[in-house]
């Protein structure tokens, strides 16, 4: 049997050299990166305090004094988190915002506010605010209170050049201090407000785009129509602002009027039970500080909307003056040609009678697959008309 050959390494061959640094190098790189990142985070965190102090100083010059009972900075390694316990804002007369004519500063306080920014994207701030929030005059008992389950705010930009802001609140409850107790005045399932500078800048003719959303809003003390849950969404653009420098709102509105500023409502939608309304148009401020302009509305359930607005009596009076002897059968026949079924309803309730006259001035239209009526909502020197019928009055803004 043949014996296996045994390989013998030549005597001149050297054993392979070990390179322990190849093993240690990746670990050293990771440690170095960690040390550099930690140094960067702690340096960034050390700049937060002075930045907040500088922002507070600028705000104080504008008449807005910000306070915290205690403030902490955390979030290592990837975030900067600032937590402020019992935050407060005191609006002094220089801020042009007062609760009443007493001259006392307006004070707004909350339970807690936590602001977070990613180290790699410091221009985006996200804040969460804990309720309750109270509003009062300095040195006086609270006059207004807001509670919610969740409130978040996001701001894009820098403290001196903000670009946009978004506010979202879940289940807000608004209460007014009345007769020694807080009286609930409005609630909602969800509220959103979004604003951004579409063109210009904070200090140079900003054009503002606004979006508001309400879900399940109820506020019967503000208007009887709001006794039922209401959903709404409005997208609008505001032009005519010079800047966001602190000034009374009356002066700001006067500037908008002088610059021929506009409120362009690109889309508005309101739904309440079996009532649905959508619209768009443009409003402006006249020399008297009152609204002028027109929106084109398309409404489903016009008779119910008229009743909820409280305009049925005004419409009935209009029909009595303009009817010219037409009886309800003739009016009903005309209405059925515009919107089938409306003619038969006018005999049964005043809201349908009110809708009758207005529908005859409108045009049939469809909304989301439903039959409706399209008609103008006019603003003339502050007076509001649905078709030819006055339905309200808006106050002068300056």
Protein backbone atom coordinates (compact mmCIF):
# COMPACT_ATOMS: atom_id res chain seq x y z
CA UNK A 1 0.00 0.00 0.00
CA UNK A 2 1.35 3.34 -1.04
CA UNK A 3 1.97 5.70 1.81
CA UNK A 4 0.56 9.24 1.45
CA UNK A 5 3.08 11.86 0.76
CA UNK A 6 3.76 14.30 3.53
CA UNK A 7 4.22 17.88 2.43
CA UNK A 8 7.00 19.64 4.14
CA UNK A 9 7.14 23.40 4.01
CA UNK A 10 10.40 24.63 2.71
CA UNK A 11 12.65 25.81 5.42
CA UNK A 12 13.00 29.21 3.80
CA UNK A 13 9.15 29.94 3.85
CA UNK A 14 8.12 32.40 6.63
CA UNK A 15 4.78 32.08 8.53
CA UNK A 16 2.06 34.67 7.51
CA UNK A 17 2.21 37.88 9.55
CA UNK A 18 -0.80 38.82 11.57
CA UNK A 19 -2.28 42.36 11.16
CA UNK A 20 -4.27 43.13 14.31
CA UNK A 21 -4.75 46.74 13.19
CA UNK A 22 -7.09 45.51 10.44
CA UNK A 23 -9.42 44.29 13.16
CA UNK A 24 -9.08 47.38 15.32
CA UNK A 25 -9.44 49.90 12.49
CA UNK A 26 -13.23 49.59 11.94
CA UNK A 27 -13.80 49.81 15.69
CA UNK A 28 -11.58 52.88 15.91
CA UNK A 29 -13.46 54.52 13.02
CA UNK A 30 -16.81 53.87 14.74
CA UNK A 31 -15.49 55.28 18.02
CA UNK A 32 -14.10 58.33 16.25
CA UNK A 33 -17.41 58.95 14.48
CA UNK A 34 -19.24 58.57 17.79
CA UNK A 35 -16.92 61.03 19.51
CA UNK A 36 -17.24 63.56 16.68
CA UNK A 37 -21.04 63.18 16.57
CA UNK A 38 -21.29 63.55 20.35
CA UNK A 39 -19.14 66.66 20.23
CA UNK A 40 -21.34 68.04 17.44
CA UNK A 41 -24.58 67.25 19.34
CA UNK A 42 -23.37 68.83 22.57
CA UNK A 43 -22.16 71.88 20.66
CA UNK A 44 -25.55 72.15 18.89
CA UNK A 45 -27.37 71.68 22.19
CA UNK A 46 -25.20 74.40 23.78
CA UNK A 47 -26.38 76.82 21.09
CA UNK A 48 -30.08 76.16 21.75
CA UNK A 49 -30.19 78.14 24.99
CA UNK A 50 -28.67 81.32 23.53
CA UNK A 51 -30.84 80.96 20.41
CA UNK A 52 -33.97 80.76 22.58
CA UNK A 53 -32.81 83.73 24.63
CA UNK A 54 -32.26 85.75 21.46
CA UNK A 55 -35.68 84.79 20.13
CA UNK A 56 -37.30 85.77 23.43
CA UNK A 57 -35.50 89.12 23.35
CA UNK A 58 -36.78 89.82 19.81
CA UNK A 59 -40.28 88.77 20.83
CA UNK A 60 -40.15 91.02 23.90
CA UNK A 61 -39.33 94.02 21.69
CA UNK A 62 -42.49 93.18 19.73
CA UNK A 63 -44.53 93.14 22.94
CA UNK A 64 -44.69 89.36 23.41
CA UNK A 65 -43.02 88.10 26.60
CA UNK A 66 -42.43 84.31 26.74
CA UNK A 67 -41.85 82.53 30.04
CA UNK A 68 -41.28 78.99 31.39
CA UNK A 69 -41.38 77.74 34.95
CA UNK A 70 -38.56 75.32 34.00
CA UNK A 71 -36.75 74.40 30.78
CA UNK A 72 -34.74 71.29 29.86
CA UNK A 73 -32.76 70.32 26.75
CA UNK A 74 -32.37 66.65 25.77
CA UNK A 75 -32.72 64.32 22.77
CA UNK A 76 -29.18 62.87 22.34
CA UNK A 77 -28.04 61.55 19.91
CA UNK A 78 -30.18 62.52 16.91
CA UNK A 79 -32.66 65.12 18.17
CA UNK A 80 -32.78 68.36 20.08
CA UNK A 81 -35.72 68.34 22.50
CA UNK A 82 -36.70 71.41 24.49
CA UNK A 83 -39.30 70.94 27.18
CA UNK A 84 -40.95 73.96 28.81
CA UNK A 85 -43.12 73.50 31.88
CA UNK A 86 -46.02 75.94 32.35
CA UNK A 87 -45.26 78.05 29.25
CA UNK A 88 -46.81 81.50 29.09
CA UNK A 89 -47.09 84.41 26.67
CA UNK A 90 -47.84 87.92 27.87
CA UNK A 91 -49.11 90.17 25.08
CA UNK A 92 -48.31 93.73 26.07
CA UNK A 93 -49.98 96.74 24.41
CA UNK A 94 -47.05 96.98 21.96
CA UNK A 95 -48.14 93.63 20.48
CA UNK A 96 -51.46 95.20 19.44
CA UNK A 97 -53.37 92.32 21.06
CA UNK A 98 -55.51 92.96 24.15
CA UNK A 99 -58.36 91.09 25.78
CA UNK A 100 -60.43 94.21 26.42
CA UNK A 101 -60.22 97.97 26.55
CA UNK A 102 -58.89 97.87 30.12
CA UNK A 103 -55.31 98.19 28.89
CA UNK A 104 -54.16 95.14 30.87
CA UNK A 105 -51.82 92.74 29.03
CA UNK A 106 -53.34 89.55 27.66
CA UNK A 107 -51.81 86.37 29.16
CA UNK A 108 -52.01 82.90 27.58
CA UNK A 109 -50.72 79.89 29.54
CA UNK A 110 -50.58 76.12 28.97
CA UNK A 111 -49.53 73.08 30.98
CA UNK A 112 -46.48 72.04 28.98
CA UNK A 113 -44.88 72.39 25.55
CA UNK A 114 -42.25 70.06 24.07
CA UNK A 115 -40.42 71.17 20.91
CA UNK A 116 -38.38 68.71 18.83
CA UNK A 117 -35.95 69.26 15.94
CA UNK A 118 -33.77 66.72 14.15
CA UNK A 119 -30.08 67.62 14.38
CA UNK A 120 -29.72 67.15 10.61
CA UNK A 121 -32.81 69.31 9.82
CA UNK A 122 -33.01 72.19 12.33
CA UNK A 123 -35.38 74.24 10.14
CA UNK A 124 -38.31 71.93 10.96
CA UNK A 125 -39.72 72.26 14.48
CA UNK A 126 -42.47 70.00 15.80
CA UNK A 127 -44.16 70.88 19.07
CA UNK A 128 -46.72 69.13 21.23
CA UNK A 129 -48.73 71.24 23.67
CA UNK A 130 -50.46 69.85 26.76
CA UNK A 131 -53.78 71.32 27.85
CA UNK A 132 -55.42 73.15 29.46
CA UNK A 133 -54.71 76.50 27.88
CA UNK A 134 -56.15 79.54 29.61
CA UNK A 135 -56.58 83.13 28.47
CA UNK A 136 -56.92 86.02 30.88
CA UNK A 137 -55.98 89.59 31.58
CA UNK A 138 -52.87 89.94 33.72
CA UNK A 139 -53.74 89.76 37.40
CA UNK A 140 -57.34 88.69 36.71
CA UNK A 141 -59.16 85.33 36.89
CA UNK A 142 -59.24 83.23 33.67
CA UNK A 143 -61.79 84.34 31.11
CA UNK A 144 -61.34 81.60 28.49
CA UNK A 145 -60.11 78.02 28.53
CA UNK A 146 -59.34 75.34 25.92
CA UNK A 147 -58.87 71.62 26.53
CA UNK A 148 -57.92 68.92 24.01
CA UNK A 149 -56.67 65.36 23.77
CA UNK A 150 -53.77 66.16 21.41
CA UNK A 151 -52.39 69.41 19.98
CA UNK A 152 -49.42 69.52 17.61
CA UNK A 153 -47.71 72.41 15.83
CA UNK A 154 -45.09 72.22 13.09
CA UNK A 155 -43.06 75.18 11.82
CA UNK A 156 -40.78 75.20 8.80
CA UNK A 157 -38.14 77.92 8.49
CA UNK A 158 -36.04 79.96 10.88
CA UNK A 159 -37.15 82.12 13.83
CA UNK A 160 -36.66 85.28 11.74
CA UNK A 161 -37.93 83.84 8.43
CA UNK A 162 -40.73 81.30 9.02
CA UNK A 163 -42.06 79.70 5.84
CA UNK A 164 -45.11 77.75 6.97
CA UNK A 165 -47.00 76.65 10.07
CA UNK A 166 -49.46 73.84 10.69
CA UNK A 167 -51.68 73.33 13.74
CA UNK A 168 -53.71 70.18 14.40
CA UNK A 169 -55.92 69.67 17.45
CA UNK A 170 -57.95 66.59 18.41
CA UNK A 171 -61.16 66.98 20.40
CA UNK A 172 -60.85 70.64 21.42
CA UNK A 173 -63.32 72.07 23.92
CA UNK A 174 -63.68 75.85 24.19
CA UNK A 175 -65.12 77.27 27.39
CA UNK A 176 -65.91 80.79 28.53
CA UNK A 177 -65.78 81.89 32.16
CA UNK A 178 -69.30 83.03 32.94
CA UNK A 179 -71.05 83.58 36.29
CA UNK A 180 -68.27 81.98 38.30
CA UNK A 181 -67.94 78.83 36.19
CA UNK A 182 -66.54 77.74 32.84
CA UNK A 183 -69.36 77.44 30.30
CA UNK A 184 -68.72 75.20 27.28
CA UNK A 185 -69.24 77.22 24.09
CA UNK A 186 -67.82 75.06 21.27
CA UNK A 187 -66.44 71.57 20.60
CA UNK A 188 -65.07 69.67 17.62
CA UNK A 189 -63.68 66.26 16.77
CA UNK A 190 -60.72 67.71 14.90
CA UNK A 191 -59.40 71.13 13.88
CA UNK A 192 -56.59 71.97 11.46
CA UNK A 193 -55.03 75.25 10.36
CA UNK A 194 -52.28 75.43 7.76
CA UNK A 195 -50.59 78.60 6.58
CA UNK A 196 -47.64 79.23 4.30
CA UNK A 197 -45.98 82.15 2.57
CA UNK A 198 -46.74 81.49 -1.10
CA UNK A 199 -44.67 84.47 -2.29
CA UNK A 200 -42.79 87.39 -0.78
CA UNK A 201 -41.36 87.12 2.72
CA UNK A 202 -42.22 87.90 6.32
CA UNK A 203 -40.97 91.46 5.93
CA UNK A 204 -41.83 92.13 2.28
CA UNK A 205 -45.38 91.82 0.92
CA UNK A 206 -46.14 88.24 1.99
CA UNK A 207 -48.89 86.42 0.10
CA UNK A 208 -50.47 83.93 2.48
CA UNK A 209 -52.14 80.65 1.57
CA UNK A 210 -54.48 79.35 4.28
CA UNK A 211 -56.29 76.04 4.73
CA UNK A 212 -58.74 75.39 7.58
CA UNK A 213 -60.54 72.14 8.39
CA UNK A 214 -63.23 71.48 10.97
CA UNK A 215 -64.65 68.05 11.73
CA UNK A 216 -67.73 67.65 13.92
CA UNK A 217 -67.78 71.29 15.04
CA UNK A 218 -70.64 72.26 17.39
CA UNK A 219 -71.11 75.83 18.65
CA UNK A 220 -74.80 76.68 19.26
CA UNK A 221 -73.93 79.75 21.33
CA UNK A 222 -72.18 81.29 18.31
CA UNK A 223 -75.02 80.64 15.85
CA UNK A 224 -78.13 78.43 16.00
CA UNK A 225 -77.03 76.79 12.74
CA UNK A 226 -74.01 75.36 14.56
CA UNK A 227 -76.18 73.34 16.94
CA UNK A 228 -75.63 70.31 14.68
CA UNK A 229 -72.19 68.79 13.99
CA UNK A 230 -70.64 70.52 10.99
CA UNK A 231 -67.70 69.65 8.76
CA UNK A 232 -66.00 72.34 6.71
CA UNK A 233 -62.85 72.96 4.69
CA UNK A 234 -61.72 76.28 3.22
CA UNK A 235 -58.70 77.00 1.03
CA UNK A 236 -57.96 80.71 0.57
CA UNK A 237 -55.21 83.12 -0.45
CA UNK A 238 -54.69 86.53 1.18
CA UNK A 239 -52.87 89.36 -0.59
CA UNK A 240 -52.23 92.96 0.42
CA UNK A 241 -50.14 92.49 3.59
CA UNK A 242 -47.02 94.64 3.89
CA UNK A 243 -45.33 92.56 6.57
CA UNK A 244 -45.91 90.82 9.90
CA UNK A 245 -44.62 93.64 12.07
CA UNK A 246 -46.63 94.08 15.31
CA UNK A 247 -49.55 96.44 14.72
CA UNK A 248 -53.26 96.65 15.57
CA UNK A 249 -55.46 94.45 13.39
CA UNK A 250 -57.46 97.51 12.36
CA UNK A 251 -54.28 99.02 10.92
CA UNK A 252 -53.37 95.77 9.21
CA UNK A 253 -56.80 95.54 7.56
CA UNK A 254 -56.55 99.20 6.52
CA UNK A 255 -53.26 98.42 4.78
CA UNK A 256 -54.86 95.49 2.96
CA UNK A 257 -57.68 97.73 1.73
CA UNK A 258 -55.25 100.45 0.60
CA UNK A 259 -53.19 97.88 -1.33
CA UNK A 260 -56.33 96.50 -3.04
CA UNK A 261 -55.74 93.22 -1.24
CA UNK A 262 -57.99 90.26 -1.85
CA UNK A 263 -59.25 87.17 -0.09
CA UNK A 264 -59.49 84.60 -2.84
CA UNK A 265 -61.50 81.62 -1.65
CA UNK A 266 -60.35 78.89 -3.97
CA UNK A 267 -62.54 76.20 -2.49
CA UNK A 268 -65.01 76.07 0.39
CA UNK A 269 -67.03 73.05 1.45
CA UNK A 270 -69.57 72.72 4.28
CA UNK A 271 -71.64 69.69 5.19
CA UNK A 272 -74.19 69.34 7.97
CA UNK A 273 -76.48 66.35 7.93
CA UNK A 274 -78.36 66.43 4.63
CA UNK A 275 -77.11 69.94 3.77
CA UNK A 276 -74.08 70.26 1.52
CA UNK A 277 -72.65 73.49 0.12
CA UNK A 278 -69.54 74.21 -1.95
CA UNK A 279 -68.35 77.56 -3.24
CA UNK A 280 -65.55 79.77 -4.50
CA UNK A 281 -65.03 83.47 -5.17
CA UNK A 282 -63.17 86.62 -4.16
CA UNK A 283 -63.73 89.14 -1.36
CA UNK A 284 -62.12 92.52 -0.72
CA UNK A 285 -62.20 95.32 1.85
CA UNK A 286 -63.69 98.66 0.86
CA UNK A 287 -62.81 102.11 2.19
CA UNK A 288 -65.29 101.63 5.05
CA UNK A 289 -63.51 98.49 6.23
CA UNK A 290 -66.38 96.25 5.13
CA UNK A 291 -66.46 93.22 2.88
CA UNK A 292 -67.37 93.42 -0.81
CA UNK A 293 -67.39 90.58 -3.30
CA UNK A 294 -69.21 87.45 -4.32
CA UNK A 295 -69.01 83.70 -3.91
CA UNK A 296 -70.76 81.25 -6.18
CA UNK A 297 -72.48 78.61 -4.05
CA UNK A 298 -73.91 75.27 -5.04
CA UNK A 299 -76.22 73.89 -2.35
CA UNK A 300 -77.97 70.60 -1.68
CA UNK A 301 -80.80 70.92 0.86
CA UNK A 302 -81.29 74.64 0.29
CA UNK A 303 -84.62 74.76 2.15
CA UNK A 304 -83.00 73.34 5.30
CA UNK A 305 -80.03 75.70 5.00
CA UNK A 306 -82.38 78.70 4.74
CA UNK A 307 -84.21 77.65 7.90
CA UNK A 308 -80.99 77.08 9.86
CA UNK A 309 -79.68 80.48 8.79
CA UNK A 310 -82.89 82.06 10.05
CA UNK A 311 -83.58 83.64 6.65
CA UNK A 312 -86.92 81.97 5.96
CA UNK A 313 -88.99 84.94 7.19
CA UNK A 314 -87.02 87.40 5.06
CA UNK A 315 -87.52 85.15 2.05
CA UNK A 316 -91.24 84.82 2.70
CA UNK A 317 -91.54 88.62 2.87
CA UNK A 318 -89.64 88.88 -0.40
CA UNK A 319 -92.02 86.42 -2.05
CA UNK A 320 -95.01 88.34 -0.73
CA UNK A 321 -93.64 91.58 -2.23
CA UNK A 322 -92.43 90.10 -5.51
CA UNK A 323 -94.91 87.31 -6.02
CA UNK A 324 -97.22 89.40 -8.16
CA UNK A 325 -100.23 87.22 -7.42
CA UNK A 326 -98.57 83.90 -8.27
CA UNK A 327 -99.99 81.13 -6.11
CA UNK A 328 -97.87 78.37 -4.62
CA UNK A 329 -99.02 75.83 -7.24
CA UNK A 330 -97.57 77.97 -10.02
CA UNK A 331 -94.39 78.61 -8.03
CA UNK A 332 -94.12 74.90 -7.25
CA UNK A 333 -94.42 74.00 -10.93
CA UNK A 334 -91.60 76.38 -11.80
CA UNK A 335 -89.44 75.01 -9.01
CA UNK A 336 -89.95 71.40 -10.08
CA UNK A 337 -88.47 72.27 -13.45
CA UNK A 338 -85.34 73.57 -11.68
CA UNK A 339 -85.05 70.95 -8.95
CA UNK A 340 -87.55 68.05 -8.95
CA UNK A 341 -89.33 67.68 -5.63
CA UNK A 342 -88.74 71.20 -4.33
CA UNK A 343 -92.08 72.45 -5.65
CA UNK A 344 -94.00 69.98 -3.50
CA UNK A 345 -92.04 70.94 -0.41
CA UNK A 346 -92.87 74.63 -0.46
CA UNK A 347 -96.39 74.04 0.82
CA UNK A 348 -95.17 72.32 3.98
CA UNK A 349 -92.54 74.53 5.61
CA UNK A 350 -91.32 78.09 5.54
CA UNK A 351 -87.76 77.05 4.84
CA UNK A 352 -88.86 75.46 1.58
CA UNK A 353 -90.87 78.59 0.75
CA UNK A 354 -87.73 80.65 1.31
CA UNK A 355 -85.71 78.29 -0.84
CA UNK A 356 -88.38 78.55 -3.50
CA UNK A 357 -87.77 82.19 -4.32
CA UNK A 358 -84.01 81.81 -4.26
CA UNK A 359 -84.03 78.63 -6.35
CA UNK A 360 -85.98 80.43 -9.04
CA UNK A 361 -83.04 82.84 -9.31
CA UNK A 362 -80.44 80.08 -9.45
CA UNK A 363 -79.44 77.29 -11.79
CA UNK A 364 -79.67 73.51 -11.30
CA UNK A 365 -76.31 71.92 -10.55
CA UNK A 366 -74.88 68.67 -9.23
CA UNK A 367 -72.64 68.25 -6.19
CA UNK A 368 -70.98 64.89 -5.65
CA UNK A 369 -73.76 63.15 -7.53
CA UNK A 370 -76.58 65.03 -5.74
CA UNK A 371 -79.04 67.52 -7.20
CA UNK A 372 -78.52 71.09 -6.02
CA UNK A 373 -78.94 74.74 -6.91
CA UNK A 374 -76.16 77.17 -7.85
CA UNK A 375 -76.63 80.81 -6.81
CA UNK A 376 -74.57 83.84 -5.69
CA UNK A 377 -73.63 84.73 -2.11
CA UNK A 378 -72.98 88.48 -2.29
CA UNK A 379 -71.21 90.82 0.11
CA UNK A 380 -72.11 94.48 -0.36
CA UNK A 381 -70.63 96.96 2.12
CA UNK A 382 -70.70 94.23 4.77
CA UNK A 383 -74.28 93.10 4.09
CA UNK A 384 -74.64 89.44 3.06
CA UNK A 385 -77.21 88.38 0.45
CA UNK A 386 -78.11 84.87 -0.65
CA UNK A 387 -79.47 85.70 -4.08
CA UNK A 388 -81.52 88.87 -3.44
CA UNK A 389 -82.31 88.04 0.19
CA UNK A 390 -80.36 89.60 3.10
CA UNK A 391 -79.12 86.85 5.43
CA UNK A 392 -76.65 88.70 7.64
CA UNK A 393 -74.28 91.58 8.29
CA UNK A 394 -70.51 91.44 8.77
CA UNK A 395 -68.84 94.06 11.00
CA UNK A 396 -66.39 96.69 9.82
CA UNK A 397 -62.81 95.49 10.20
CA UNK A 398 -61.39 98.97 10.71
